[in-house]
């Protein structure tokens, strides 16, 4: 997803990401901080919904706003608790699968809420058969309920016109070792076969000597280093 760039899926899906917030939460059991991101997206019929990407499970969930007849508060819930949620006249017997408090780690774009970095947001996830609900409490006045749908690859393409979750790249360790070994041998061979004054090799010596014109005089201490063509990539947050 990109902020300000429309996503065009199967009709009538046309949406516009306008803001993204990254939450972090430290797990007291292992001391690791886990992260997830939520994109506020404007959709057709002026529907304001959220797309959540969990950095740990890699799951993409589409959350639509909902209203319940019950007064629900995530700070009063505990994991494993059974809760009745009535939405549009339908009662759901849901189990609280997760509760916690996330802290906003970063913000980008614009939001319908007044969010700030460092703000703590209480949440609870409720599951009833194949239905998932999410409760978020931003302060003592705002508690939002969302009806969620987990989107697989095909579901993402249907709603957004493309897969929005990063692909998992699984590499066979034996194959990876062979490829690295082959690349190393090729690198050593290519560099060893070239003269030290080759433009692609950088000669380095312990005691560099220069001639009268100022050019470097190769010595037996010179080592040829191949310049890398490609740069390395950066890492990201992971839940």
Protein backbone atom coordinates (compact mmCIF):
# COMPACT_ATOMS: atom_id res chain seq x y z
CA UNK A 1 0.00 0.00 0.00
CA UNK A 2 1.03 3.60 -0.57
CA UNK A 3 -0.51 6.64 1.05
CA UNK A 4 -2.56 8.72 -1.37
CA UNK A 5 -2.53 6.04 -4.08
CA UNK A 6 -5.85 4.44 -4.97
CA UNK A 7 -6.31 0.68 -4.73
CA UNK A 8 -8.71 -0.66 -7.33
CA UNK A 9 -10.08 -4.13 -6.73
CA UNK A 10 -13.09 -5.98 -8.08
CA UNK A 11 -16.16 -3.70 -8.41
CA UNK A 12 -17.26 -1.87 -6.36
CA UNK A 13 -13.97 -1.87 -4.43
CA UNK A 14 -11.99 1.33 -4.83
CA UNK A 15 -10.13 2.61 -1.78
CA UNK A 16 -7.55 5.18 -0.74
CA UNK A 17 -5.04 4.68 2.10
CA UNK A 18 -4.75 7.97 3.98
CA UNK A 19 -2.79 7.07 7.11
CA UNK A 20 -0.74 4.28 8.65
CA UNK A 21 0.06 3.75 12.32
CA UNK A 22 2.53 1.20 13.72
CA UNK A 23 1.82 -0.25 17.17
CA UNK A 24 4.25 -2.03 19.44
CA UNK A 25 3.61 -4.16 22.51
CA UNK A 26 6.14 -5.85 24.76
CA UNK A 27 5.34 -9.44 25.65
CA UNK A 28 6.15 -9.95 29.34
CA UNK A 29 6.64 -13.69 28.80
CA UNK A 30 9.66 -13.32 26.50
CA UNK A 31 10.54 -9.64 26.74
CA UNK A 32 10.16 -9.18 22.97
CA UNK A 33 8.30 -6.21 21.52
CA UNK A 34 5.91 -7.26 18.77
CA UNK A 35 4.61 -4.89 16.13
CA UNK A 36 1.63 -4.56 13.84
CA UNK A 37 0.46 -1.81 11.51
CA UNK A 38 -2.99 -0.43 10.78
CA UNK A 39 -3.87 1.49 7.63
CA UNK A 40 -6.86 3.85 7.70
CA UNK A 41 -8.48 3.53 4.30
CA UNK A 42 -11.31 5.49 2.71
CA UNK A 43 -13.52 3.23 0.61
CA UNK A 44 -16.52 3.36 -1.66
CA UNK A 45 -19.76 4.75 -0.20
CA UNK A 46 -17.49 6.88 2.02
CA UNK A 47 -16.82 3.86 4.22
CA UNK A 48 -13.95 4.42 6.63
CA UNK A 49 -12.25 1.12 7.41
CA UNK A 50 -8.89 -0.22 8.55
CA UNK A 51 -6.49 -2.78 7.16
CA UNK A 52 -4.29 -4.48 9.73
CA UNK A 53 -1.04 -6.27 8.93
CA UNK A 54 0.46 -8.38 11.71
CA UNK A 55 4.25 -8.50 11.41
CA UNK A 56 4.39 -11.79 13.32
CA UNK A 57 1.59 -13.89 11.78
CA UNK A 58 1.72 -12.06 8.40
CA UNK A 59 -2.10 -11.94 8.48
CA UNK A 60 -4.01 -9.18 6.67
CA UNK A 61 -7.39 -8.32 8.20
CA UNK A 62 -9.98 -5.92 6.82
CA UNK A 63 -11.92 -4.18 9.62
CA UNK A 64 -15.25 -2.48 8.95
CA UNK A 65 -16.85 -0.21 11.59
CA UNK A 66 -19.67 -1.85 13.56
CA UNK A 67 -22.00 -1.03 16.45
CA UNK A 68 -23.03 -3.36 19.25
CA UNK A 69 -26.05 -3.21 21.51
CA UNK A 70 -23.84 -4.05 24.46
CA UNK A 71 -21.47 -1.61 26.17
CA UNK A 72 -18.09 -3.23 25.56
CA UNK A 73 -14.83 -2.15 27.13
CA UNK A 74 -11.54 -3.91 26.24
CA UNK A 75 -9.93 -2.86 29.53
CA UNK A 76 -12.53 -4.92 31.42
CA UNK A 77 -12.01 -8.10 29.42
CA UNK A 78 -9.69 -11.04 30.00
CA UNK A 79 -8.38 -13.69 27.64
CA UNK A 80 -10.70 -16.72 27.39
CA UNK A 81 -13.76 -14.79 28.53
CA UNK A 82 -17.05 -15.37 26.67
CA UNK A 83 -18.82 -12.20 25.55
CA UNK A 84 -22.11 -11.59 23.78
CA UNK A 85 -21.86 -9.16 20.89
CA UNK A 86 -25.08 -8.11 19.14
CA UNK A 87 -24.52 -6.46 15.77
CA UNK A 88 -27.38 -5.54 13.42
CA UNK A 89 -29.77 -7.69 15.46
CA UNK A 90 -27.56 -10.79 15.33
CA UNK A 91 -26.13 -12.13 18.57
CA UNK A 92 -22.62 -13.55 18.54
CA UNK A 93 -21.18 -15.62 21.38
CA UNK A 94 -17.57 -14.56 21.11
CA UNK A 95 -14.47 -15.64 23.01
CA UNK A 96 -11.84 -13.07 23.92
CA UNK A 97 -8.75 -14.40 22.12
CA UNK A 98 -6.39 -11.54 22.88
CA UNK A 99 -6.23 -8.44 25.09
CA UNK A 100 -3.51 -5.89 25.59
CA UNK A 101 -2.31 -2.33 25.24
CA UNK A 102 -0.41 -1.20 22.19
CA UNK A 103 1.82 1.86 22.05
CA UNK A 104 2.00 3.95 18.89
CA UNK A 105 5.55 3.66 17.58
CA UNK A 106 5.15 5.72 14.39
CA UNK A 107 2.59 7.64 12.34
CA UNK A 108 2.39 8.70 8.72
CA UNK A 109 -0.39 10.41 6.80
CA UNK A 110 -3.67 11.75 8.20
CA UNK A 111 -6.29 10.19 10.46
CA UNK A 112 -9.84 10.78 11.62
CA UNK A 113 -8.51 10.52 15.19
CA UNK A 114 -6.06 12.73 17.02
CA UNK A 115 -3.22 10.21 17.33
CA UNK A 116 0.25 10.86 18.71
CA UNK A 117 3.45 8.83 18.93
CA UNK A 118 3.72 7.21 22.35
CA UNK A 119 -0.06 7.10 22.83
CA UNK A 120 -1.34 3.88 24.44
CA UNK A 121 -4.37 2.15 22.95
CA UNK A 122 -6.16 -0.69 24.75
CA UNK A 123 -7.56 -3.44 22.54
CA UNK A 124 -9.36 -6.77 22.63
CA UNK A 125 -9.88 -9.35 19.88
CA UNK A 126 -13.08 -11.40 19.98
CA UNK A 127 -13.75 -14.50 17.89
CA UNK A 128 -17.03 -16.24 17.16
CA UNK A 129 -16.73 -19.16 14.71
CA UNK A 130 -15.42 -17.48 11.55
CA UNK A 131 -16.23 -13.98 12.75
CA UNK A 132 -13.65 -11.73 14.37
CA UNK A 133 -14.29 -8.46 16.19
CA UNK A 134 -11.81 -5.87 17.35
CA UNK A 135 -12.34 -3.39 20.18
CA UNK A 136 -10.09 -0.35 20.53
CA UNK A 137 -10.15 2.18 23.34
CA UNK A 138 -8.27 5.39 22.57
CA UNK A 139 -9.27 7.20 25.75
CA UNK A 140 -12.10 7.18 28.26
CA UNK A 141 -14.52 8.54 25.67
CA UNK A 142 -13.77 6.67 22.45
CA UNK A 143 -14.33 2.92 22.16
CA UNK A 144 -14.63 1.54 18.62
CA UNK A 145 -15.88 -1.85 17.49
CA UNK A 146 -14.86 -3.34 14.14
CA UNK A 147 -16.01 -6.45 12.29
CA UNK A 148 -12.98 -8.12 10.77
CA UNK A 149 -12.39 -10.35 7.77
CA UNK A 150 -9.03 -12.11 7.35
CA UNK A 151 -7.95 -11.81 3.72
CA UNK A 152 -5.86 -14.46 2.04
CA UNK A 153 -3.91 -13.69 -1.13
CA UNK A 154 -7.01 -13.94 -3.35
CA UNK A 155 -9.05 -11.83 -0.95
CA UNK A 156 -6.40 -9.12 -0.99
CA UNK A 157 -6.39 -9.09 -4.78
CA UNK A 158 -10.20 -8.87 -4.84
CA UNK A 159 -10.34 -5.90 -2.45
CA UNK A 160 -7.17 -4.02 -3.40
CA UNK A 161 -6.31 -5.24 -6.88
CA UNK A 162 -3.08 -6.83 -5.65
CA UNK A 163 -1.48 -8.72 -2.80
CA UNK A 164 -0.58 -6.20 -0.09
CA UNK A 165 1.22 -8.52 2.36
CA UNK A 166 4.92 -9.22 1.75
CA UNK A 167 5.69 -12.67 0.43
CA UNK A 168 7.59 -15.11 2.60
CA UNK A 169 10.79 -16.15 0.84
CA UNK A 170 11.77 -19.66 1.90
CA UNK A 171 15.23 -20.78 0.87
CA UNK A 172 16.53 -24.33 1.14
CA UNK A 173 19.61 -24.00 3.40
CA UNK A 174 21.59 -26.57 1.37
CA UNK A 175 20.86 -24.75 -1.89
CA UNK A 176 21.67 -21.40 -0.26
CA UNK A 177 25.05 -22.73 0.94
CA UNK A 178 25.90 -24.09 -2.52
CA UNK A 179 24.97 -20.78 -4.16
CA UNK A 180 27.00 -18.76 -1.66
CA UNK A 181 29.97 -21.12 -2.06
CA UNK A 182 29.77 -20.90 -5.85
CA UNK A 183 29.51 -17.12 -5.73
CA UNK A 184 32.51 -16.95 -3.43
CA UNK A 185 34.63 -19.17 -5.68
CA UNK A 186 33.63 -17.16 -8.73
CA UNK A 187 34.42 -13.90 -6.96
CA UNK A 188 37.83 -15.14 -5.84
CA UNK A 189 38.64 -16.53 -9.28
CA UNK A 190 37.53 -13.47 -11.20
CA UNK A 191 39.43 -11.15 -8.93
CA UNK A 192 42.54 -13.32 -8.89
CA UNK A 193 42.70 -13.57 -12.69
CA UNK A 194 42.66 -9.81 -13.22
CA UNK A 195 45.56 -7.42 -13.07
CA UNK A 196 45.68 -5.17 -10.07
CA UNK A 197 45.21 -2.10 -12.21
CA UNK A 198 41.80 -3.34 -13.52
CA UNK A 199 39.12 -0.68 -13.05
CA UNK A 200 36.86 -3.19 -11.28
CA UNK A 201 39.46 -4.19 -8.72
CA UNK A 202 40.74 -1.96 -5.97
CA UNK A 203 44.40 -2.69 -5.07
CA UNK A 204 45.29 -2.18 -1.43
CA UNK A 205 48.72 -2.57 0.12
CA UNK A 206 50.25 -2.28 3.55
CA UNK A 207 52.94 0.12 2.39
CA UNK A 208 51.75 1.90 -0.76
CA UNK A 209 54.43 3.19 -3.15
CA UNK A 210 54.00 5.69 -5.95
CA UNK A 211 56.11 6.47 -9.04
CA UNK A 212 57.22 9.92 -10.19
CA UNK A 213 53.90 10.56 -11.96
CA UNK A 214 51.97 9.80 -8.79
CA UNK A 215 50.59 6.40 -9.90
CA UNK A 216 50.38 3.56 -7.42
CA UNK A 217 53.13 0.95 -7.84
CA UNK A 218 51.73 -2.59 -7.28
CA UNK A 219 53.63 -4.78 -4.84
CA UNK A 220 53.35 -8.37 -3.70
CA UNK A 221 51.39 -7.14 -0.70
CA UNK A 222 48.57 -5.86 -2.92
CA UNK A 223 45.18 -7.50 -2.57
CA UNK A 224 42.47 -7.19 -5.20
CA UNK A 225 38.98 -6.40 -3.88
CA UNK A 226 35.99 -6.71 -6.16
CA UNK A 227 33.56 -3.81 -5.95
CA UNK A 228 30.00 -4.90 -5.27
CA UNK A 229 27.48 -4.00 -7.97
CA UNK A 230 24.43 -4.16 -5.73
CA UNK A 231 23.80 -2.54 -2.38
CA UNK A 232 22.18 -4.20 0.60
CA UNK A 233 18.56 -3.82 1.65
CA UNK A 234 17.15 -2.53 4.90
CA UNK A 235 15.20 -4.37 7.54
CA UNK A 236 11.83 -3.61 9.05
CA UNK A 237 9.87 -4.07 12.18
CA UNK A 238 8.64 -7.54 12.90
CA UNK A 239 5.88 -8.88 15.06
